[in-house]
N, C-alpha and C. Protein backbone atom coordinates (compact mmCIF):
# COMPACT_ATOMS: atom_id res chain seq x y z
N MET A 1 0.85 -1.18 0.00
CA MET A 1 0.00 0.00 0.00
C MET A 1 0.89 1.24 0.00
N GLU A 2 0.54 2.19 -0.82
CA GLU A 2 1.31 3.42 -0.96
C GLU A 2 1.06 4.39 0.20
N ASP A 3 2.13 5.05 0.65
CA ASP A 3 2.01 6.09 1.67
C ASP A 3 1.85 7.45 1.00
N HIS A 4 1.07 8.31 1.64
CA HIS A 4 0.86 9.67 1.15
C HIS A 4 1.37 10.67 2.17
N LYS A 5 1.69 11.85 1.71
CA LYS A 5 2.11 12.93 2.60
C LYS A 5 0.88 13.59 3.20
N VAL A 6 1.01 14.00 4.46
CA VAL A 6 -0.11 14.56 5.20
C VAL A 6 0.34 15.83 5.91
N ARG A 7 -0.54 16.82 5.91
CA ARG A 7 -0.29 18.05 6.66
C ARG A 7 -1.38 18.21 7.71
N VAL A 8 -0.97 18.60 8.89
CA VAL A 8 -1.90 18.91 9.98
C VAL A 8 -1.67 20.37 10.32
N ARG A 9 -2.73 21.17 10.23
CA ARG A 9 -2.61 22.62 10.48
C ARG A 9 -3.42 22.98 11.72
N VAL A 10 -2.87 23.85 12.56
CA VAL A 10 -3.58 24.35 13.73
C VAL A 10 -4.53 25.45 13.29
N LEU A 11 -5.83 25.25 13.55
CA LEU A 11 -6.84 26.25 13.19
C LEU A 11 -7.06 27.26 14.31
N GLU A 12 -7.14 26.76 15.54
CA GLU A 12 -7.35 27.59 16.72
C GLU A 12 -6.55 26.99 17.86
N SER A 13 -6.12 27.84 18.80
CA SER A 13 -5.37 27.29 19.93
C SER A 13 -5.52 28.13 21.18
N GLY A 14 -5.78 27.43 22.29
CA GLY A 14 -5.74 28.04 23.61
C GLY A 14 -4.53 27.53 24.37
N CYS A 15 -3.69 26.75 23.70
CA CYS A 15 -2.50 26.15 24.30
C CYS A 15 -1.30 27.06 24.02
N PRO A 16 -0.46 27.30 25.01
CA PRO A 16 0.71 28.16 24.78
C PRO A 16 1.75 27.54 23.84
N ARG A 17 1.65 26.25 23.57
CA ARG A 17 2.62 25.57 22.71
C ARG A 17 2.26 25.61 21.22
N TYR A 18 1.00 25.91 20.92
CA TYR A 18 0.54 25.95 19.53
C TYR A 18 -0.06 27.31 19.20
N HIS A 19 0.10 27.71 17.95
CA HIS A 19 -0.49 28.95 17.46
C HIS A 19 -1.22 28.65 16.16
N ALA A 20 -2.29 29.37 15.90
CA ALA A 20 -3.01 29.20 14.63
C ALA A 20 -2.02 29.34 13.49
N GLY A 21 -2.09 28.40 12.56
CA GLY A 21 -1.19 28.41 11.41
C GLY A 21 0.00 27.47 11.55
N ASP A 22 0.29 27.01 12.76
CA ASP A 22 1.36 26.01 12.92
C ASP A 22 1.02 24.78 12.10
N GLU A 23 2.04 24.12 11.57
CA GLU A 23 1.81 22.94 10.73
C GLU A 23 2.74 21.80 11.14
N ILE A 24 2.22 20.60 10.99
CA ILE A 24 2.96 19.37 11.24
C ILE A 24 2.85 18.54 9.96
N TYR A 25 3.98 18.07 9.46
CA TYR A 25 4.00 17.31 8.22
C TYR A 25 4.41 15.86 8.49
N PHE A 26 3.68 14.95 7.87
CA PHE A 26 4.00 13.53 7.92
C PHE A 26 4.40 13.12 6.51
N ASP A 27 5.52 12.43 6.41
CA ASP A 27 5.96 11.85 5.14
C ASP A 27 5.87 10.34 5.35
N GLY A 28 4.75 9.76 4.95
CA GLY A 28 4.48 8.37 5.27
C GLY A 28 4.25 8.26 6.76
N ALA A 29 4.94 7.34 7.40
CA ALA A 29 4.75 7.11 8.83
C ALA A 29 5.59 8.05 9.71
N PHE A 30 6.39 8.89 9.10
CA PHE A 30 7.33 9.70 9.87
C PHE A 30 6.98 11.18 9.86
N ILE A 31 7.27 11.84 10.97
CA ILE A 31 7.10 13.29 11.06
C ILE A 31 8.30 13.94 10.41
N ASP A 32 8.04 14.88 9.52
CA ASP A 32 9.11 15.66 8.90
C ASP A 32 9.51 16.73 9.90
N LYS A 33 10.52 16.45 10.70
CA LYS A 33 10.91 17.32 11.80
C LYS A 33 11.42 18.68 11.34
N GLU A 34 12.00 18.75 10.17
CA GLU A 34 12.54 20.02 9.68
C GLU A 34 11.44 20.99 9.27
N LYS A 35 10.31 20.49 8.83
CA LYS A 35 9.22 21.35 8.38
C LYS A 35 8.13 21.55 9.43
N SER A 36 8.17 20.79 10.51
CA SER A 36 7.04 20.71 11.42
C SER A 36 7.25 21.49 12.72
N ALA A 37 6.11 21.96 13.25
CA ALA A 37 6.08 22.50 14.60
C ALA A 37 6.19 21.33 15.57
N ALA A 38 6.37 21.63 16.83
CA ALA A 38 6.41 20.58 17.85
C ALA A 38 5.07 19.83 17.89
N LEU A 39 5.12 18.60 18.33
CA LEU A 39 3.91 17.78 18.42
C LEU A 39 3.88 17.09 19.76
N CYS A 40 2.88 17.41 20.58
CA CYS A 40 2.79 16.76 21.88
C CYS A 40 2.01 15.44 21.72
N MET A 41 2.24 14.52 22.65
CA MET A 41 1.63 13.20 22.53
C MET A 41 0.13 13.23 22.72
N VAL A 42 -0.40 14.20 23.47
CA VAL A 42 -1.86 14.27 23.64
C VAL A 42 -2.50 14.71 22.31
N ALA A 43 -1.91 15.69 21.66
CA ALA A 43 -2.41 16.12 20.35
C ALA A 43 -2.29 14.99 19.33
N LEU A 44 -1.18 14.27 19.38
CA LEU A 44 -0.99 13.15 18.45
C LEU A 44 -2.09 12.11 18.61
N SER A 45 -2.50 11.87 19.85
CA SER A 45 -3.56 10.87 20.06
C SER A 45 -4.87 11.30 19.41
N ALA A 46 -5.11 12.60 19.30
CA ALA A 46 -6.33 13.10 18.67
C ALA A 46 -6.26 13.02 17.15
N ILE A 47 -5.13 13.39 16.58
CA ILE A 47 -5.03 13.46 15.12
C ILE A 47 -4.63 12.14 14.48
N TYR A 48 -4.08 11.21 15.27
CA TYR A 48 -3.54 9.97 14.71
C TYR A 48 -4.51 9.22 13.79
N PRO A 49 -5.76 8.95 14.19
CA PRO A 49 -6.62 8.17 13.30
C PRO A 49 -6.85 8.84 11.95
N PHE A 50 -6.93 10.16 11.95
CA PHE A 50 -7.18 10.90 10.71
C PHE A 50 -5.92 10.99 9.86
N ALA A 51 -4.78 11.24 10.50
CA ALA A 51 -3.51 11.28 9.77
C ALA A 51 -3.19 9.91 9.18
N TYR A 52 -3.48 8.84 9.92
CA TYR A 52 -3.23 7.50 9.41
C TYR A 52 -4.11 7.20 8.20
N ALA A 53 -5.38 7.55 8.29
CA ALA A 53 -6.30 7.31 7.16
C ALA A 53 -5.84 8.08 5.92
N ALA A 54 -5.46 9.34 6.10
CA ALA A 54 -4.99 10.15 4.98
C ALA A 54 -3.69 9.57 4.41
N ARG A 55 -2.81 9.15 5.29
CA ARG A 55 -1.53 8.56 4.86
C ARG A 55 -1.74 7.33 4.00
N ARG A 56 -2.75 6.55 4.31
CA ARG A 56 -3.03 5.32 3.58
C ARG A 56 -3.94 5.52 2.38
N GLY A 57 -4.24 6.79 2.06
CA GLY A 57 -4.99 7.07 0.84
C GLY A 57 -6.46 7.32 1.05
N GLY A 58 -6.90 7.30 2.28
CA GLY A 58 -8.31 7.54 2.57
C GLY A 58 -8.70 9.00 2.39
N SER A 59 -9.96 9.21 2.23
CA SER A 59 -10.49 10.56 2.11
C SER A 59 -10.78 11.10 3.50
N VAL A 60 -10.24 12.25 3.83
CA VAL A 60 -10.44 12.87 5.13
C VAL A 60 -11.27 14.13 4.93
N LYS A 61 -12.46 14.15 5.52
CA LYS A 61 -13.31 15.32 5.40
C LYS A 61 -12.68 16.49 6.14
N PRO A 62 -12.89 17.71 5.65
CA PRO A 62 -12.29 18.88 6.30
C PRO A 62 -13.02 19.28 7.59
N THR A 63 -12.98 18.39 8.56
CA THR A 63 -13.61 18.62 9.86
C THR A 63 -12.53 18.86 10.90
N PRO A 64 -12.64 19.89 11.71
CA PRO A 64 -11.62 20.11 12.73
C PRO A 64 -11.56 18.95 13.73
N VAL A 65 -10.35 18.65 14.17
CA VAL A 65 -10.10 17.62 15.17
C VAL A 65 -9.59 18.35 16.41
N GLN A 66 -10.20 18.08 17.54
CA GLN A 66 -9.84 18.80 18.76
C GLN A 66 -8.97 17.95 19.67
N CYS A 67 -7.93 18.56 20.19
CA CYS A 67 -7.07 17.90 21.17
C CYS A 67 -7.88 17.69 22.44
N PRO A 68 -7.78 16.51 23.08
CA PRO A 68 -8.58 16.22 24.26
C PRO A 68 -8.05 16.81 25.56
N ASP A 69 -6.93 17.51 25.50
CA ASP A 69 -6.37 18.10 26.72
C ASP A 69 -7.31 19.21 27.19
N CYS A 70 -8.00 18.98 28.28
CA CYS A 70 -9.02 19.92 28.78
C CYS A 70 -8.48 21.35 28.86
N GLY A 71 -9.19 22.33 28.96
CA GLY A 71 -8.74 23.69 29.23
C GLY A 71 -7.80 24.33 28.22
N GLU A 72 -7.20 23.57 27.35
CA GLU A 72 -6.26 24.13 26.37
C GLU A 72 -6.69 23.71 24.97
N CYS A 73 -7.85 24.08 24.60
CA CYS A 73 -8.44 23.65 23.33
C CYS A 73 -7.55 24.00 22.13
N VAL A 74 -7.21 22.98 21.36
CA VAL A 74 -6.51 23.17 20.10
C VAL A 74 -7.29 22.42 19.04
N LYS A 75 -7.60 23.11 17.94
CA LYS A 75 -8.30 22.47 16.82
C LYS A 75 -7.33 22.35 15.65
N PHE A 76 -7.29 21.14 15.10
CA PHE A 76 -6.41 20.81 13.98
C PHE A 76 -7.22 20.47 12.74
N GLN A 77 -6.63 20.69 11.58
CA GLN A 77 -7.20 20.27 10.31
C GLN A 77 -6.20 19.31 9.67
N VAL A 78 -6.65 18.11 9.30
CA VAL A 78 -5.79 17.09 8.71
C VAL A 78 -6.11 17.00 7.22
N GLU A 79 -5.08 16.99 6.38
CA GLU A 79 -5.32 16.85 4.94
C GLU A 79 -4.20 16.08 4.27
N ARG A 80 -4.58 15.30 3.28
CA ARG A 80 -3.61 14.59 2.45
C ARG A 80 -3.12 15.57 1.40
N LEU A 81 -1.81 15.66 1.20
CA LEU A 81 -1.25 16.66 0.30
C LEU A 81 -1.23 16.25 -1.16
N ASP A 82 -1.13 14.98 -1.44
CA ASP A 82 -1.02 14.55 -2.82
C ASP A 82 -2.29 13.88 -3.33
N SER A 83 -3.43 14.44 -2.93
CA SER A 83 -4.70 13.86 -3.36
C SER A 83 -5.12 14.37 -4.72
């Protein structure tokens, strides 16, 4: 199965570690550390199912994904880049 590149963009953030417009790039199963903002493990748990689906060629609807860390709401948008 072919891997696809995926971008995760921060839409809104109440977390001091993320700002609207921050981006995280996945090249297949790996995070492109040179192009990406930091990624915390709680945020990763929220975006993982969508990033995995996009990476494997699935269609990801443009629905915001929210980090489950209470009090510090961060909304992400996941998209496949080579669709």
